[in-house]
PDB file of N, CA and C in Angstrom:
ATOM      1  N   MET A   1      50.329 207.900 -27.578  1.00  0.00           N
ATOM      2  CA  MET A   1      50.130 208.731 -26.221  1.00  0.00           C
ATOM      3  C   MET A   1      51.279 209.533 -26.491  1.00  0.00           C
ATOM      4  N   ILE A   2      50.840 210.454 -25.474  1.00  0.00           N
ATOM      5  CA  ILE A   2      51.989 211.853 -25.803  1.00  0.00           C
ATOM      6  C   ILE A   2      52.579 211.539 -23.948  1.00  0.00           C
ATOM      7  N   ILE A   3      53.837 211.386 -23.698  1.00  0.00           N
ATOM      8  CA  ILE A   3      54.520 211.682 -22.596  1.00  0.00           C
ATOM      9  C   ILE A   3      55.251 213.348 -22.127  1.00  0.00           C
ATOM     10  N   SER A   4      54.571 214.086 -21.275  1.00  0.00           N
ATOM     11  CA  SER A   4      54.864 215.056 -21.033  1.00  0.00           C
ATOM     12  C   SER A   4      55.421 215.651 -19.675  1.00  0.00           C
ATOM     13  N   TYR A   5      56.518 216.039 -19.608  1.00  0.00           N
ATOM     14  CA  TYR A   5      56.752 216.259 -17.793  1.00  0.00           C
ATOM     15  C   TYR A   5      57.619 217.285 -17.961  1.00  0.00           C
ATOM     16  N   THR A   6      57.946 218.061 -16.754  1.00  0.00           N
ATOM     17  CA  THR A   6      59.106 219.239 -16.316  1.00  0.00           C
ATOM     18  C   THR A   6      59.468 219.117 -14.935  1.00  0.00           C
ATOM     19  N   PHE A   7      60.369 219.508 -14.858  1.00  0.00           N
ATOM     20  CA  PHE A   7      61.100 219.849 -13.259  1.00  0.00           C
ATOM     21  C   PHE A   7      61.312 220.590 -12.762  1.00  0.00           C
ATOM     22  N   VAL A   8      61.443 221.095 -11.437  1.00  0.00           N
ATOM     23  CA  VAL A   8      62.396 222.337 -11.047  1.00  0.00           C
ATOM     24  C   VAL A   8      63.476 221.846 -10.379  1.00  0.00           C
ATOM     25  N   VAL A   9      64.832 222.228 -10.107  1.00  0.00           N
ATOM     26  CA  VAL A   9      65.777 222.184  -9.411  1.00  0.00           C
ATOM     27  C   VAL A   9      66.095 223.213  -8.814  1.00  0.00           C
ATOM     28  N   CYS A  10      66.466 223.224  -7.551  1.00  0.00           N
ATOM     29  CA  CYS A  10      67.156 224.491  -6.953  1.00  0.00           C
ATOM     30  C   CYS A  10      68.283 224.522  -6.402  1.00  0.00           C
ATOM     31  N   GLY A  11      69.102 225.237  -6.748  1.00  0.00           N
ATOM     32  CA  GLY A  11      70.669 225.064  -6.409  1.00  0.00           C
ATOM     33  C   GLY A  11      71.266 224.148  -7.911  1.00  0.00           C
ATOM     34  N   LYS A  12      72.429 223.204  -7.758  1.00  0.00           N
ATOM     35  CA  LYS A  12      72.843 222.775  -8.866  1.00  0.00           C
ATOM     36  C   LYS A  12      72.196 221.570  -9.175  1.00  0.00           C
ATOM     37  N   THR A  13      72.114 221.329 -10.721  1.00  0.00           N
ATOM     38  CA  THR A  13      71.421 220.106 -10.734  1.00  0.00           C
ATOM     39  C   THR A  13      72.385 218.996 -10.809  1.00  0.00           C
ATOM     40  N   GLU A  14      71.625 217.618 -10.019  1.00  0.00           N
ATOM     41  CA  GLU A  14      72.466 216.380  -9.941  1.00  0.00           C
ATOM     42  C   GLU A  14      71.706 215.244 -10.427  1.00  0.00           C
ATOM     43  N   THR A  15      72.792 214.766 -11.344  1.00  0.00           N
ATOM     44  CA  THR A  15      72.296 213.280 -12.702  1.00  0.00           C
ATOM     45  C   THR A  15      73.302 212.063 -11.235  1.00  0.00           C
ATOM     46  N   PHE A  16      72.491 211.126 -12.181  1.00  0.00           N
ATOM     47  CA  PHE A  16      72.993 209.855 -12.298  1.00  0.00           C
ATOM     48  C   PHE A  16      74.166 209.469 -12.607  1.00  0.00           C
ATOM     49  N   LEU A  17      74.894 208.762 -12.704  1.00  0.00           N
ATOM     50  CA  LEU A  17      75.837 208.523 -13.501  1.00  0.00           C
ATOM     51  C   LEU A  17      75.884 207.449 -14.570  1.00  0.00           C
ATOM     52  N   GLU A  18      74.884 206.503 -14.324  1.00  0.00           N
ATOM     53  CA  GLU A  18      74.398 205.772 -15.163  1.00  0.00           C
ATOM     54  C   GLU A  18      72.974 206.369 -15.852  1.00  0.00           C
ATOM     55  N   MET A  19      72.381 207.124 -15.378  1.00  0.00           N
ATOM     56  CA  MET A  19      71.270 207.612 -16.461  1.00  0.00           C
ATOM     57  C   MET A  19      71.617 209.934 -16.324  1.00  0.00           C
ATOM     58  N   PRO A  20      72.290 209.930 -16.930  1.00  0.00           N
ATOM     59  CA  PRO A  20      73.041 211.557 -16.901  1.00  0.00           C
ATOM     60  C   PRO A  20      71.447 212.223 -17.203  1.00  0.00           C
ATOM     61  N   HIS A  21      70.789 211.634 -17.986  1.00  0.00           N
ATOM     62  CA  HIS A  21      69.529 212.976 -18.433  1.00  0.00           C
ATOM     63  C   HIS A  21      68.312 212.603 -17.561  1.00  0.00           C
ATOM     64  N   ALA A  22      68.729 211.809 -16.077  1.00  0.00           N
ATOM     65  CA  ALA A  22      67.811 211.845 -14.774  1.00  0.00           C
ATOM     66  C   ALA A  22      68.191 212.361 -14.114  1.00  0.00           C
ATOM     67  N   VAL A  23      67.164 213.524 -13.397  1.00  0.00           N
ATOM     68  CA  VAL A  23      67.763 214.203 -12.621  1.00  0.00           C
ATOM     69  C   VAL A  23      67.390 213.479 -10.909  1.00  0.00           C
ATOM     70  N   LYS A  24      68.114 213.910  -9.892  1.00  0.00           N
ATOM     71  CA  LYS A  24      68.111 213.201  -8.852  1.00  0.00           C
ATOM     72  C   LYS A  24      67.615 214.025  -7.987  1.00  0.00           C
ATOM     73  N   ASN A  25      67.554 215.640  -8.134  1.00  0.00           N
ATOM     74  CA  ASN A  25      67.044 216.603  -6.948  1.00  0.00           C
ATOM     75  C   ASN A  25      66.199 217.481  -7.106  1.00  0.00           C
ATOM     76  N   PRO A  26      65.055 216.723  -7.795  1.00  0.00           N
ATOM     77  CA  PRO A  26      64.216 217.679  -8.145  1.00  0.00           C
ATOM     78  C   PRO A  26      63.012 218.464  -6.918  1.00  0.00           C
ATOM     79  N   ILE A  27      62.611 219.565  -7.020  1.00  0.00           N
ATOM     80  CA  ILE A  27      61.914 219.723  -6.008  1.00  0.00           C
ATOM     81  C   ILE A  27      60.378 219.998  -6.228  1.00  0.00           C
ATOM     82  N   LEU A  28      60.211 220.117  -7.531  1.00  0.00           N
ATOM     83  CA  LEU A  28      58.947 220.392  -8.400  1.00  0.00           C
ATOM     84  C   LEU A  28      58.657 219.328  -9.441  1.00  0.00           C
ATOM     85  N   ILE A  29      57.890 218.692  -9.869  1.00  0.00           N
ATOM     86  CA  ILE A  29      57.834 217.912 -10.863  1.00  0.00           C
ATOM     87  C   ILE A  29      56.390 218.040 -11.603  1.00  0.00           C
ATOM     88  N   VAL A  30      56.084 218.500 -12.987  1.00  0.00           N
ATOM     89  CA  VAL A  30      54.845 218.787 -13.707  1.00  0.00           C
ATOM     90  C   VAL A  30      54.273 217.473 -14.546  1.00  0.00           C
ATOM     91  N   GLU A  31      53.719 216.949 -14.661  1.00  0.00           N
ATOM     92  CA  GLU A  31      53.077 215.930 -15.689  1.00  0.00           C
ATOM     93  C   GLU A  31      52.060 216.379 -16.476  1.00  0.00           C
ATOM     94  N   VAL A  32      52.223 215.678 -17.370  1.00  0.00           N
ATOM     95  CA  VAL A  32      50.305 216.053 -18.498  1.00  0.00           C
ATOM     96  C   VAL A  32      49.952 214.226 -18.197  1.00  0.00           C
ATOM     97  N   SER A  33      49.149 214.332 -18.106  1.00  0.00           N
ATOM     98  CA  SER A  33      48.301 213.057 -17.994  1.00  0.00           C
ATOM     99  C   SER A  33      47.441 212.588 -18.575  1.00  0.00           C
ATOM    100  N   SER A  34      47.205 211.440 -19.398  1.00  0.00           N
ATOM    101  CA  SER A  34      46.141 210.882 -20.269  1.00  0.00           C
ATOM    102  C   SER A  34      45.265 209.731 -19.123  1.00  0.00           C
ATOM    103  N   ASP A  35      44.399 209.347 -19.965  1.00  0.00           N
ATOM    104  CA  ASP A  35      43.600 208.018 -19.444  1.00  0.00           C
ATOM    105  C   ASP A  35      44.364 207.056 -19.086  1.00  0.00           C
ATOM    106  N   SER A  36      45.380 206.923 -19.959  1.00  0.00           N
ATOM    107  CA  SER A  36      46.337 205.373 -19.916  1.00  0.00           C
ATOM    108  C   SER A  36      47.332 205.917 -18.741  1.00  0.00           C
ATOM    109  N   THR A  37      47.399 206.730 -18.808  1.00  0.00           N
ATOM    110  CA  THR A  37      48.809 206.887 -17.628  1.00  0.00           C
ATOM    111  C   THR A  37      48.120 207.614 -16.225  1.00  0.00           C
ATOM    112  N   ALA A  38      47.185 208.253 -16.340  1.00  0.00           N
ATOM    113  CA  ALA A  38      46.754 208.611 -14.719  1.00  0.00           C
ATOM    114  C   ALA A  38      46.943 207.995 -13.378  1.00  0.00           C
ATOM    115  N   LEU A  39      46.388 206.586 -13.677  1.00  0.00           N
ATOM    116  CA  LEU A  39      46.609 205.585 -12.627  1.00  0.00           C
ATOM    117  C   LEU A  39      47.837 205.673 -11.661  1.00  0.00           C
ATOM    118  N   TYR A  40      48.928 205.195 -12.860  1.00  0.00           N
ATOM    119  CA  TYR A  40      50.425 204.911 -12.768  1.00  0.00           C
ATOM    120  C   TYR A  40      50.832 206.685 -12.162  1.00  0.00           C
ATOM    121  N   ASP A  41      50.419 207.509 -13.002  1.00  0.00           N
ATOM    122  CA  ASP A  41      51.303 208.838 -12.427  1.00  0.00           C
ATOM    123  C   ASP A  41      50.529 209.092 -11.125  1.00  0.00           C
ATOM    124  N   ARG A  42      49.511 208.895 -10.715  1.00  0.00           N
ATOM    125  CA  ARG A  42      48.996 208.934  -9.169  1.00  0.00           C
ATOM    126  C   ARG A  42      49.702 207.797  -7.988  1.00  0.00           C
ATOM    127  N   GLN A  43      49.850 206.695  -8.602  1.00  0.00           N
ATOM    128  CA  GLN A  43      50.259 205.927  -7.777  1.00  0.00           C
ATOM    129  C   GLN A  43      52.070 205.716  -7.913  1.00  0.00           C
ATOM    130  N   GLY A  44      52.130 204.764  -8.931  1.00  0.00           N
ATOM    131  CA  GLY A  44      53.535 204.291  -9.023  1.00  0.00           C
ATOM    132  C   GLY A  44      54.542 205.050  -9.095  1.00  0.00           C
ATOM    133  N   LYS A  45      54.083 206.233 -10.528  1.00  0.00           N
ATOM    134  CA  LYS A  45      55.494 207.263 -10.192  1.00  0.00           C
ATOM    135  C   LYS A  45      55.345 208.007  -9.162  1.00  0.00           C
ATOM    136  N   PHE A  46      54.329 208.452  -8.262  1.00  0.00           N
ATOM    137  CA  PHE A  46      54.333 209.526  -7.299  1.00  0.00           C
ATOM    138  C   PHE A  46      54.896 209.119  -5.876  1.00  0.00           C
ATOM    139  N   GLN A  47      55.161 207.500  -6.024  1.00  0.00           N
ATOM    140  CA  GLN A  47      55.304 206.582  -4.664  1.00  0.00           C
ATOM    141  C   GLN A  47      57.051 206.524  -5.274  1.00  0.00           C
ATOM    142  N   ALA A  48      57.087 206.784  -5.704  1.00  0.00           N
ATOM    143  CA  ALA A  48      58.902 206.523  -6.368  1.00  0.00           C
ATOM    144  C   ALA A  48      59.456 207.915  -6.083  1.00  0.00           C
ATOM    145  N   TYR A  49      58.697 208.787  -6.861  1.00  0.00           N
ATOM    146  CA  TYR A  49      59.278 210.385  -6.587  1.00  0.00           C
ATOM    147  C   TYR A  49      59.366 210.579  -4.877  1.00  0.00           C
ATOM    148  N   GLN A  50      58.476 210.108  -4.034  1.00  0.00           N
ATOM    149  CA  GLN A  50      58.291 210.468  -3.056  1.00  0.00           C
ATOM    150  C   GLN A  50      59.387 210.074  -1.732  1.00  0.00           C
ATOM    151  N   LYS A  51      60.864 208.956  -2.609  1.00  0.00           N
ATOM    152  CA  LYS A  51      61.634 208.644  -2.498  1.00  0.00           C
ATOM    153  C   LYS A  51      62.875 209.905  -2.292  1.00  0.00           C
ATOM    154  N   ILE A  52      62.482 210.665  -3.110  1.00  0.00           N
ATOM    155  CA  ILE A  52      63.481 212.004  -3.609  1.00  0.00           C
ATOM    156  C   ILE A  52      63.359 212.861  -2.596  1.00  0.00           C
ATOM    157  N   THR A  53      64.624 213.175  -1.979  1.00  0.00           N
ATOM    158  CA  THR A  53      64.488 213.950  -0.540  1.00  0.00           C
ATOM    159  C   THR A  53      64.342 215.025  -0.924  1.00  0.00           C
ATOM    160  N   SER A  54      64.738 215.669  -1.904  1.00  0.00           N
ATOM    161  CA  SER A  54      64.213 216.953  -2.449  1.00  0.00           C
ATOM    162  C   SER A  54      63.109 217.472  -2.939  1.00  0.00           C
ATOM    163  N   PHE A  55      62.709 216.174  -3.005  1.00  0.00           N
ATOM    164  CA  PHE A  55      60.870 216.244  -3.938  1.00  0.00           C
ATOM    165  C   PHE A  55      59.786 217.011  -2.714  1.00  0.00           C
ATOM    166  N   ARG A  56      59.308 217.907  -3.306  1.00  0.00           N
ATOM    167  CA  ARG A  56      58.167 218.781  -1.963  1.00  0.00           C
ATOM    168  C   ARG A  56      56.822 218.911  -2.951  1.00  0.00           C
ATOM    169  N   GLU A  57      57.019 219.138  -4.224  1.00  0.00           N
ATOM    170  CA  GLU A  57      55.638 219.140  -5.345  1.00  0.00           C
ATOM    171  C   GLU A  57      55.545 218.688  -6.433  1.00  0.00           C
ATOM    172  N   TYR A  58      54.199 218.340  -6.775  1.00  0.00           N
ATOM    173  CA  TYR A  58      53.873 217.335  -7.869  1.00  0.00           C
ATOM    174  C   TYR A  58      52.660 217.930  -8.580  1.00  0.00           C
ATOM    175  N   ILE A  59      52.462 218.430 -10.029  1.00  0.00           N
ATOM    176  CA  ILE A  59      51.334 218.235 -10.161  1.00  0.00           C
ATOM    177  C   ILE A  59      50.819 217.762 -11.309  1.00  0.00           C
ATOM    178  N   LEU A  60      50.021 217.368 -11.685  1.00  0.00           N
ATOM    179  CA  LEU A  60      49.312 216.490 -12.766  1.00  0.00           C
ATOM    180  C   LEU A  60      48.164 217.330 -13.276  1.00  0.00           C
ATOM    181  N   VAL A  61      48.697 217.518 -14.957  1.00  0.00           N
ATOM    182  CA  VAL A  61      47.574 218.068 -15.790  1.00  0.00           C
ATOM    183  C   VAL A  61      46.923 216.950 -16.759  1.00  0.00           C
ATOM    184  N   SER A  62      45.826 216.897 -16.500  1.00  0.00           N
ATOM    185  CA  SER A  62      44.771 216.503 -17.504  1.00  0.00           C
ATOM    186  C   SER A  62      44.969 216.605 -19.101  1.00  0.00           C
ATOM    187  N   GLN A  63      45.246 216.091 -19.534  1.00  0.00           N
ATOM    188  CA  GLN A  63      45.056 216.473 -21.246  1.00  0.00           C
ATOM    189  C   GLN A  63      43.795 216.595 -21.600  1.00  0.00           C
ATOM    190  N   ASN A  64      42.999 215.759 -21.250  1.00  0.00           N
ATOM    191  CA  ASN A  64      41.835 215.113 -21.458  1.00  0.00           C
ATOM    192  C   ASN A  64      40.458 216.150 -20.899  1.00  0.00           C
ATOM    193  N   GLU A  65      40.796 216.589 -19.843  1.00  0.00           N
ATOM    194  CA  GLU A  65      39.350 217.497 -19.405  1.00  0.00           C
ATOM    195  C   GLU A  65      40.176 218.792 -18.399  1.00  0.00           C
ATOM    196  N   ILE A  66      39.863 219.798 -17.926  1.00  0.00           N
ATOM    197  CA  ILE A  66      40.234 220.951 -17.618  1.00  0.00           C
ATOM    198  C   ILE A  66      40.417 220.232 -16.047  1.00  0.00           C
ATOM    199  N   LEU A  67      41.427 219.806 -15.659  1.00  0.00           N
ATOM    200  CA  LEU A  67      41.729 219.225 -14.054  1.00  0.00           C
ATOM    201  C   LEU A  67      43.170 219.144 -13.969  1.00  0.00           C
ATOM    202  N   VAL A  68      43.583 220.303 -12.718  1.00  0.00           N
ATOM    203  CA  VAL A  68      44.892 220.147 -12.450  1.00  0.00           C
ATOM    204  C   VAL A  68      44.905 219.700 -10.992  1.00  0.00           C
ATOM    205  N   GLU A  69      45.632 218.962 -10.596  1.00  0.00           N
ATOM    206  CA  GLU A  69      45.917 218.044  -9.156  1.00  0.00           C
ATOM    207  C   GLU A  69      47.785 218.687  -8.947  1.00  0.00           C
ATOM    208  N   THR A  70      47.601 219.359  -7.643  1.00  0.00           N
ATOM    209  CA  THR A  70      48.720 219.377  -6.961  1.00  0.00           C
ATOM    210  C   THR A  70      48.722 218.615  -5.218  1.00  0.00           C
ATOM    211  N   TYR A  71      50.176 218.362  -5.283  1.00  0.00           N
ATOM    212  CA  TYR A  71      50.141 217.568  -4.094  1.00  0.00           C
ATOM    213  C   TYR A  71      51.676 218.412  -3.297  1.00  0.00           C
ATOM    214  N   TYR A  72      51.671 219.208  -2.274  1.00  0.00           N
ATOM    215  CA  TYR A  72      52.672 219.717  -2.081  1.00  0.00           C
ATOM    216  C   TYR A  72      52.533 218.886  -0.243  1.00  0.00           C
ATOM    217  N   LYS A  73      53.998 218.783  -0.401  1.00  0.00           N
ATOM    218  CA  LYS A  73      54.637 218.409   0.800  1.00  0.00           C
ATOM    219  C   LYS A  73      55.785 219.377   1.845  1.00  0.00           C
ATOM    220  N   PRO A  74      54.784 220.321   2.669  1.00  0.00           N
ATOM    221  CA  PRO A  74      55.813 221.323   3.414  1.00  0.00           C
ATOM    222  C   PRO A  74      57.357 220.696   4.245  1.00  0.00           C
ATOM    223  N   GLU A  75      58.040 221.229   4.013  1.00  0.00           N
ATOM    224  CA  GLU A  75      59.042 220.879   4.670  1.00  0.00           C
ATOM    225  C   GLU A  75      59.245 220.272   6.020  1.00  0.00           C
ATOM    226  N   ASN A  76      59.697 219.079   6.613  1.00  0.00           N
ATOM    227  CA  ASN A  76      59.613 218.485   8.044  1.00  0.00           C
ATOM    228  C   ASN A  76      58.182 218.022   8.088  1.00  0.00           C
ATOM    229  N   ALA A  77      57.690 217.997   6.882  1.00  0.00           N
ATOM    230  CA  ALA A  77      55.742 217.518   7.363  1.00  0.00           C
ATOM    231  C   ALA A  77      55.671 215.896   7.058  1.00  0.00           C
ATOM    232  N   ILE A  78      55.026 215.190   7.533  1.00  0.00           N
ATOM    233  CA  ILE A  78      54.758 214.081   7.628  1.00  0.00           C
ATOM    234  C   ILE A  78      53.512 213.613   6.411  1.00  0.00           C
ATOM    235  N   PHE A  79      52.637 214.591   5.846  1.00  0.00           N
ATOM    236  CA  PHE A  79      51.531 214.565   5.057  1.00  0.00           C
ATOM    237  C   PHE A  79      51.709 214.975   3.710  1.00  0.00           C
ATOM    238  N   TRP A  80      51.000 214.823   2.938  1.00  0.00           N
ATOM    239  CA  TRP A  80      51.240 215.590   1.418  1.00  0.00           C
ATOM    240  C   TRP A  80      49.417 216.270   1.708  1.00  0.00           C
ATOM    241  N   GLN A  81      49.434 217.525   1.069  1.00  0.00           N
ATOM    242  CA  GLN A  81      48.264 218.367   1.075  1.00  0.00           C
ATOM    243  C   GLN A  81      48.178 217.974  -0.423  1.00  0.00           C
ATOM    244  N   TYR A  82      46.626 217.828  -0.528  1.00  0.00           N
ATOM    245  CA  TYR A  82      46.247 217.506  -2.053  1.00  0.00           C
ATOM    246  C   TYR A  82      45.125 218.767  -2.302  1.00  0.00           C
ATOM    247  N   ARG A  83      45.594 219.004  -3.637  1.00  0.00           N
ATOM    248  CA  ARG A  83      44.399 220.121  -4.408  1.00  0.00           C
ATOM    249  C   ARG A  83      43.689 219.675  -5.522  1.00  0.00           C
ATOM    250  N   SER A  84      42.697 219.950  -6.105  1.00  0.00           N
ATOM    251  CA  SER A  84      42.458 219.789  -7.404  1.00  0.00           C
ATOM    252  C   SER A  84      41.964 221.239  -8.003  1.00  0.00           C
ATOM    253  N   TYR A  85      41.599 221.381  -9.047  1.00  0.00           N
ATOM    254  CA  TYR A  85      41.626 222.572 -10.011  1.00  0.00           C
ATOM    255  C   TYR A  85      40.841 221.969 -11.103  1.00  0.00           C
ATOM    256  N   THR A  86      39.631 222.753 -11.495  1.00  0.00           N
ATOM    257  CA  THR A  86      38.991 222.132 -12.536  1.00  0.00           C
ATOM    258  C   THR A  86      37.955 223.600 -13.423  1.00  0.00           C
ATOM    259  N   LYS A  87      38.141 224.800 -13.043  1.00  0.00           N
ATOM    260  CA  LYS A  87      37.912 225.865 -13.463  1.00  0.00           C
ATOM    261  C   LYS A  87      38.849 227.052 -14.210  1.00  0.00           C
ATOM    262  N   LEU A  88      38.438 227.183 -15.194  1.00  0.00           N
ATOM    263  CA  LEU A  88      39.566 228.524 -15.980  1.00  0.00           C
ATOM    264  C   LEU A  88      40.180 229.477 -15.347  1.00  0.00           C
ATOM    265  N   GLU A  89      38.914 229.757 -14.338  1.00  0.00           N
ATOM    266  CA  GLU A  89      39.129 231.016 -13.743  1.00  0.00           C
ATOM    267  C   GLU A  89      40.468 230.870 -12.501  1.00  0.00           C
ATOM    268  N   ASP A  90      40.600 229.278 -12.051  1.00  0.00           N
ATOM    269  CA  ASP A  90      41.449 228.981 -10.549  1.00  0.00           C
ATOM    270  C   ASP A  90      43.004 229.527 -11.325  1.00  0.00           C
ATOM    271  N   VAL A  91      43.281 229.577  -9.798  1.00  0.00           N
ATOM    272  CA  VAL A  91      44.807 230.108  -9.764  1.00  0.00           C
ATOM    273  C   VAL A  91      45.490 229.040  -8.976  1.00  0.00           C
ATOM    274  N   ILE A  92      46.443 228.499  -9.746  1.00  0.00           N
ATOM    275  CA  ILE A  92      47.494 227.360  -8.857  1.00  0.00           C
ATOM    276  C   ILE A  92      48.564 228.540  -8.209  1.00  0.00           C
ATOM    277  N   GLU A  93      48.949 228.252  -6.384  1.00  0.00           N
ATOM    278  CA  GLU A  93      50.239 228.344  -6.158  1.00  0.00           C
ATOM    279  C   GLU A  93      50.938 227.458  -6.158  1.00  0.00           C
ATOM    280  N   LEU A  94      52.167 227.562  -6.887  1.00  0.00           N
ATOM    281  CA  LEU A  94      53.219 226.617  -6.818  1.00  0.00           C
ATOM    282  C   LEU A  94      54.003 226.883  -5.610  1.00  0.00           C
ATOM    283  N   LYS A  95      53.605 226.165  -4.224  1.00  0.00           N
ATOM    284  CA  LYS A  95      54.504 226.645  -3.107  1.00  0.00           C
ATOM    285  C   LYS A  95      55.763 226.581  -3.131  1.00  0.00           C
ATOM    286  N   SER A  96      56.234 225.282  -3.782  1.00  0.00           N
ATOM    287  CA  SER A  96      57.710 225.022  -3.409  1.00  0.00           C
ATOM    288  C   SER A  96      58.620 225.969  -4.177  1.00  0.00           C
ATOM    289  N   VAL A  97      57.923 226.837  -5.557  1.00  0.00           N
ATOM    290  CA  VAL A  97      59.102 227.902  -6.048  1.00  0.00           C
ATOM    291  C   VAL A  97      58.190 229.409  -6.173  1.00  0.00           C
ATOM    292  N   ASP A  98      57.348 229.629  -5.401  1.00  0.00           N
ATOM    293  CA  ASP A  98      56.564 231.067  -5.093  1.00  0.00           C
ATOM    294  C   ASP A  98      55.830 231.144  -6.310  1.00  0.00           C
ATOM    295  N   VAL A  99      55.082 230.395  -7.047  1.00  0.00           N
ATOM    296  CA  VAL A  99      54.673 231.151  -8.143  1.00  0.00           C
ATOM    297  C   VAL A  99      53.320 230.682  -8.553  1.00  0.00           C
ATOM    298  N   GLU A 100      52.779 231.574  -9.061  1.00  0.00           N
ATOM    299  CA  GLU A 100      51.256 231.824  -9.510  1.00  0.00           C
ATOM    300  C   GLU A 100      51.296 231.708 -10.834  1.00  0.00           C
ATOM    301  N   ILE A 101      50.245 230.458 -11.211  1.00  0.00           N
ATOM    302  CA  ILE A 101      49.607 230.262 -12.646  1.00  0.00           C
ATOM    303  C   ILE A 101      48.534 229.737 -12.464  1.00  0.00           C
ATOM    304  N   SER A 102      47.932 230.664 -13.699  1.00  0.00           N
ATOM    305  CA  SER A 102      46.364 230.429 -13.910  1.00  0.00           C
ATOM    306  C   SER A 102      46.169 229.258 -14.399  1.00  0.00           C
ATOM    307  N   ILE A 103      44.693 228.456 -14.328  1.00  0.00           N
ATOM    308  CA  ILE A 103      44.332 227.626 -15.035  1.00  0.00           C
ATOM    309  C   ILE A 103      44.002 227.927 -16.623  1.00  0.00           C
ATOM    310  N   ASN A 104      43.641 229.076 -16.622  1.00  0.00           N
ATOM    311  CA  ASN A 104      43.176 229.272 -18.340  1.00  0.00           C
ATOM    312  C   ASN A 104      44.567 229.337 -19.236  1.00  0.00           C
ATOM    313  N   ASP A 105      45.728 229.792 -18.142  1.00  0.00           N
ATOM    314  CA  ASP A 105      46.731 229.830 -19.233  1.00  0.00           C
ATOM    315  C   ASP A 105      47.477 228.701 -19.220  1.00  0.00           C
ATOM    316  N   ILE A 106      47.245 227.478 -18.744  1.00  0.00           N
ATOM    317  CA  ILE A 106      47.843 226.259 -19.036  1.00  0.00           C
ATOM    318  C   ILE A 106      46.992 225.862 -19.980  1.00  0.00           C
ATOM    319  N   TYR A 107      45.434 225.621 -20.084  1.00  0.00           N
ATOM    320  CA  TYR A 107      44.858 225.516 -20.873  1.00  0.00           C
ATOM    321  C   TYR A 107      44.513 226.230 -21.940  1.00  0.00           C
ATOM    322  N   LEU A 108      45.319 227.260 -22.220  1.00  0.00           N
ATOM    323  CA  LEU A 108      45.148 228.398 -23.411  1.00  0.00           C
ATOM    324  C   LEU A 108      44.605 227.600 -24.834  1.00  0.00           C
ATOM    325  N   ASP A 109      43.289 227.965 -25.151  1.00  0.00           N
ATOM    326  CA  ASP A 109      42.989 227.496 -26.367  1.00  0.00           C
ATOM    327  C   ASP A 109      42.898 226.442 -26.345  1.00  0.00           C
ATOM    328  N   TRP A 110      42.474 225.626 -25.153  1.00  0.00           N
ATOM    329  CA  TRP A 110      41.741 224.225 -25.025  1.00  0.00           C
ATOM    330  C   TRP A 110      40.569 223.912 -25.382  1.00  0.00           C
ATOM    331  N   GLU A 111      40.765 223.164 -26.562  1.00  0.00           N
ATOM    332  CA  GLU A 111      39.508 222.388 -26.697  1.00  0.00           C
ATOM    333  C   GLU A 111      39.538 220.854 -26.732  1.00  0.00           C
ATOM    334  N   LYS A 112      38.047 220.665 -26.001  1.00  0.00           N
ATOM    335  CA  LYS A 112      37.900 219.309 -25.386  1.00  0.00           C
ATOM    336  C   LYS A 112      37.846 218.390 -26.638  1.00  0.00           C
ATOM    337  N   THR A 113      38.055 217.205 -26.600  1.00  0.00           N
ATOM    338  CA  THR A 113      38.580 216.676 -27.572  1.00  0.00           C
ATOM    339  C   THR A 113      37.724 215.253 -27.928  1.00  0.00           C
ATOM    340  N   ALA A 114      37.162 214.830 -26.736  1.00  0.00           N
ATOM    341  CA  ALA A 114      36.738 213.686 -26.380  1.00  0.00           C
ATOM    342  C   ALA A 114      35.056 213.710 -26.393  1.00  0.00           C
TER     343      ALA A 114
END
């Protein structure tokens, strides 16, 4: 199993005293999901992440197919906005950091393995 993630923080990075490598103020979290982790990523982890007050955007990238899912919660909003991308020519707008990235750049030299 490959576990891969990254995050973005605005301002100074805050960590937990008991876990100095765990960031407690991300605004954006990006994770690569596999068949074995997809359900937990969408449910358990996402629910836990939603308790982080700074957290605004969650990106799940499938390692088994061309699929990127985005969840975004505007400031002061109640509901998360969901969108999925499945075409190499699609462009994702990362709203929390005002950046665009193409699916083709994410899946550069991608070949289906299954």
